[in-house]
Structures are given as structure tokens and as C-alpha cells.
Amino acid sequence: METIVIGLLFLGALGYVGNRLRKELSPKKSGCGKGCGCEK
């Protein structure tokens, strides 16, 4: 039982770190981000 809980916690942490890395490494969009069409 403890192994399952530890495994779930580990997978959750891994997913969190992966998501943060993906957001950090993704190219940033220029513009104000309000959908006004100023993105290039």
C-alpha cells in the first residue's frame, strides 16, 4: 500500500516538474496577449 502512495506522489511530482519545464522552455509569444491582433 505504501508503495502505491509513494509511486503516485512521485508521478505527481514528475508531472508537475515536467509541466513547469515545458512552460519555461516553450517559445514566448510577443504582444499584449489580449487577443487584439498585435502578435507577430
PDB file of N, CA and C in Angstrom:
ATOM      1  N   MET A   1       0.827  -1.209   0.000  1.00  0.00           N
ATOM      2  CA  MET A   1       0.000   0.000   0.000  1.00  0.00           C
ATOM      3  C   MET A   1       0.865   1.266   0.000  1.00  0.00           C
ATOM      4  N   GLU A   2       1.903   1.254   0.839  1.00  0.00           N
ATOM      5  CA  GLU A   2       2.774   2.430   0.889  1.00  0.00           C
ATOM      6  C   GLU A   2       3.468   2.658  -0.449  1.00  0.00           C
ATOM      7  N   THR A   3       3.791   1.572  -1.146  1.00  0.00           N
ATOM      8  CA  THR A   3       4.472   1.683  -2.436  1.00  0.00           C
ATOM      9  C   THR A   3       3.581   2.389  -3.449  1.00  0.00           C
ATOM     10  N   ILE A   4       2.292   2.101  -3.418  1.00  0.00           N
ATOM     11  CA  ILE A   4       1.360   2.741  -4.352  1.00  0.00           C
ATOM     12  C   ILE A   4       1.274   4.236  -4.065  1.00  0.00           C
ATOM     13  N   VAL A   5       1.167   4.597  -2.790  1.00  0.00           N
ATOM     14  CA  VAL A   5       1.077   6.011  -2.411  1.00  0.00           C
ATOM     15  C   VAL A   5       2.352   6.749  -2.804  1.00  0.00           C
ATOM     16  N   ILE A   6       3.506   6.160  -2.525  1.00  0.00           N
ATOM     17  CA  ILE A   6       4.783   6.787  -2.877  1.00  0.00           C
ATOM     18  C   ILE A   6       4.902   6.917  -4.399  1.00  0.00           C
ATOM     19  N   GLY A   7       4.472   5.885  -5.131  1.00  0.00           N
ATOM     20  CA  GLY A   7       4.509   5.941  -6.591  1.00  0.00           C
ATOM     21  C   GLY A   7       3.626   7.051  -7.144  1.00  0.00           C
ATOM     22  N   LEU A   8       2.434   7.208  -6.569  1.00  0.00           N
ATOM     23  CA  LEU A   8       1.531   8.269  -7.023  1.00  0.00           C
ATOM     24  C   LEU A   8       2.106   9.653  -6.718  1.00  0.00           C
ATOM     25  N   LEU A   9       2.684   9.797  -5.545  1.00  0.00           N
ATOM     26  CA  LEU A   9       3.318  11.074  -5.209  1.00  0.00           C
ATOM     27  C   LEU A   9       4.481  11.376  -6.154  1.00  0.00           C
ATOM     28  N   PHE A  10       5.272  10.360  -6.453  1.00  0.00           N
ATOM     29  CA  PHE A  10       6.402  10.534  -7.356  1.00  0.00           C
ATOM     30  C   PHE A  10       5.926  10.929  -8.752  1.00  0.00           C
ATOM     31  N   LEU A  11       4.895  10.250  -9.257  1.00  0.00           N
ATOM     32  CA  LEU A  11       4.370  10.581 -10.581  1.00  0.00           C
ATOM     33  C   LEU A  11       3.771  11.980 -10.610  1.00  0.00           C
ATOM     34  N   GLY A  12       3.103  12.362  -9.547  1.00  0.00           N
ATOM     35  CA  GLY A  12       2.555  13.718  -9.469  1.00  0.00           C
ATOM     36  C   GLY A  12       3.649  14.767  -9.496  1.00  0.00           C
ATOM     37  N   ALA A  13       4.703  14.533  -8.729  1.00  0.00           N
ATOM     38  CA  ALA A  13       5.818  15.479  -8.710  1.00  0.00           C
ATOM     39  C   ALA A  13       6.514  15.534 -10.066  1.00  0.00           C
ATOM     40  N   LEU A  14       6.671  14.375 -10.690  1.00  0.00           N
ATOM     41  CA  LEU A  14       7.301  14.323 -12.004  1.00  0.00           C
ATOM     42  C   LEU A  14       6.474  15.086 -13.040  1.00  0.00           C
ATOM     43  N   GLY A  15       5.163  14.908 -12.989  1.00  0.00           N
ATOM     44  CA  GLY A  15       4.281  15.634 -13.901  1.00  0.00           C
ATOM     45  C   GLY A  15       4.337  17.138 -13.673  1.00  0.00           C
ATOM     46  N   TYR A  16       4.393  17.538 -12.412  1.00  0.00           N
ATOM     47  CA  TYR A  16       4.465  18.958 -12.080  1.00  0.00           C
ATOM     48  C   TYR A  16       5.751  19.578 -12.615  1.00  0.00           C
ATOM     49  N   VAL A  17       6.875  18.910 -12.375  1.00  0.00           N
ATOM     50  CA  VAL A  17       8.169  19.425 -12.849  1.00  0.00           C
ATOM     51  C   VAL A  17       8.198  19.450 -14.374  1.00  0.00           C
ATOM     52  N   GLY A  18       7.666  18.402 -15.006  1.00  0.00           N
ATOM     53  CA  GLY A  18       7.622  18.368 -16.465  1.00  0.00           C
ATOM     54  C   GLY A  18       6.788  19.492 -17.040  1.00  0.00           C
ATOM     55  N   ASN A  19       5.661  19.773 -16.410  1.00  0.00           N
ATOM     56  CA  ASN A  19       4.798  20.854 -16.869  1.00  0.00           C
ATOM     57  C   ASN A  19       5.487  22.209 -16.718  1.00  0.00           C
ATOM     58  N   ARG A  20       6.171  22.409 -15.599  1.00  0.00           N
ATOM     59  CA  ARG A  20       6.893  23.663 -15.393  1.00  0.00           C
ATOM     60  C   ARG A  20       8.003  23.831 -16.428  1.00  0.00           C
ATOM     61  N   LEU A  21       8.735  22.746 -16.711  1.00  0.00           N
ATOM     62  CA  LEU A  21       9.809  22.813 -17.704  1.00  0.00           C
ATOM     63  C   LEU A  21       9.248  23.117 -19.088  1.00  0.00           C
ATOM     64  N   ARG A  22       8.140  22.479 -19.425  1.00  0.00           N
ATOM     65  CA  ARG A  22       7.533  22.695 -20.737  1.00  0.00           C
ATOM     66  C   ARG A  22       7.098  24.150 -20.896  1.00  0.00           C
ATOM     67  N   LYS A  23       6.510  24.713 -19.865  1.00  0.00           N
ATOM     68  CA  LYS A  23       6.088  26.113 -19.930  1.00  0.00           C
ATOM     69  C   LYS A  23       7.294  27.049 -19.999  1.00  0.00           C
ATOM     70  N   GLU A  24       8.356  26.703 -19.279  1.00  0.00           N
ATOM     71  CA  GLU A  24       9.551  27.543 -19.258  1.00  0.00           C
ATOM     72  C   GLU A  24      10.281  27.522 -20.597  1.00  0.00           C
ATOM     73  N   LEU A  25      10.304  26.366 -21.253  1.00  0.00           N
ATOM     74  CA  LEU A  25      11.073  26.227 -22.487  1.00  0.00           C
ATOM     75  C   LEU A  25      10.275  26.553 -23.738  1.00  0.00           C
ATOM     76  N   SER A  26       8.957  26.686 -23.624  1.00  0.00           N
ATOM     77  CA  SER A  26       8.156  26.986 -24.811  1.00  0.00           C
ATOM     78  C   SER A  26       8.428  28.416 -25.265  1.00  0.00           C
ATOM     79  N   PRO A  27       8.388  28.646 -26.577  1.00  0.00           N
ATOM     80  CA  PRO A  27       8.661  29.999 -27.075  1.00  0.00           C
ATOM     81  C   PRO A  27       7.602  30.985 -26.606  1.00  0.00           C
ATOM     82  N   LYS A  28       8.060  32.134 -26.199  1.00  0.00           N
ATOM     83  CA  LYS A  28       7.147  33.162 -25.719  1.00  0.00           C
ATOM     84  C   LYS A  28       6.508  33.886 -26.903  1.00  0.00           C
ATOM     85  N   LYS A  29       5.236  34.201 -26.779  1.00  0.00           N
ATOM     86  CA  LYS A  29       4.551  34.966 -27.824  1.00  0.00           C
ATOM     87  C   LYS A  29       4.712  36.446 -27.522  1.00  0.00           C
ATOM     88  N   SER A  30       5.004  37.213 -28.557  1.00  0.00           N
ATOM     89  CA  SER A  30       5.102  38.649 -28.368  1.00  0.00           C
ATOM     90  C   SER A  30       3.712  39.254 -28.445  1.00  0.00           C
ATOM     91  N   GLY A  31       3.588  40.450 -27.973  1.00  0.00           N
ATOM     92  CA  GLY A  31       2.290  41.112 -27.984  1.00  0.00           C
ATOM     93  C   GLY A  31       1.720  41.181 -26.587  1.00  0.00           C
ATOM     94  N   CYS A  32       0.563  41.787 -26.479  1.00  0.00           N
ATOM     95  CA  CYS A  32      -0.016  42.026 -25.163  1.00  0.00           C
ATOM     96  C   CYS A  32      -0.797  40.827 -24.650  1.00  0.00           C
ATOM     97  N   GLY A  33      -1.183  39.882 -25.516  1.00  0.00           N
ATOM     98  CA  GLY A  33      -1.882  38.695 -25.080  1.00  0.00           C
ATOM     99  C   GLY A  33      -3.361  38.884 -24.825  1.00  0.00           C
ATOM    100  N   LYS A  34      -3.926  39.997 -25.267  1.00  0.00           N
ATOM    101  CA  LYS A  34      -5.347  40.249 -25.044  1.00  0.00           C
ATOM    102  C   LYS A  34      -6.192  39.903 -26.260  1.00  0.00           C
ATOM    103  N   GLY A  35      -5.590  39.335 -27.291  1.00  0.00           N
ATOM    104  CA  GLY A  35      -6.346  38.966 -28.485  1.00  0.00           C
ATOM    105  C   GLY A  35      -6.673  40.151 -29.373  1.00  0.00           C
ATOM    106  N   CYS A  36      -5.877  41.215 -29.283  1.00  0.00           N
ATOM    107  CA  CYS A  36      -6.175  42.403 -30.076  1.00  0.00           C
ATOM    108  C   CYS A  36      -5.535  42.332 -31.462  1.00  0.00           C
ATOM    109  N   GLY A  37      -4.730  41.316 -31.727  1.00  0.00           N
ATOM    110  CA  GLY A  37      -4.124  41.165 -33.040  1.00  0.00           C
ATOM    111  C   GLY A  37      -2.742  41.776 -33.151  1.00  0.00           C
ATOM    112  N   CYS A  38      -2.138  42.186 -32.035  1.00  0.00           N
ATOM    113  CA  CYS A  38      -0.822  42.815 -32.109  1.00  0.00           C
ATOM    114  C   CYS A  38       0.315  41.788 -32.099  1.00  0.00           C
ATOM    115  N   GLU A  39      -0.009  40.476 -32.026  1.00  0.00           N
ATOM    116  CA  GLU A  39       1.038  39.457 -32.060  1.00  0.00           C
ATOM    117  C   GLU A  39       1.661  39.385 -33.446  1.00  0.00           C
ATOM    118  N   LYS A  40       2.947  39.072 -33.490  1.00  0.00           N
ATOM    119  CA  LYS A  40       3.614  38.955 -34.789  1.00  0.00           C
ATOM    120  C   LYS A  40       4.158  37.580 -34.967  1.00  0.00           C
TER     121      LYS A  40
END
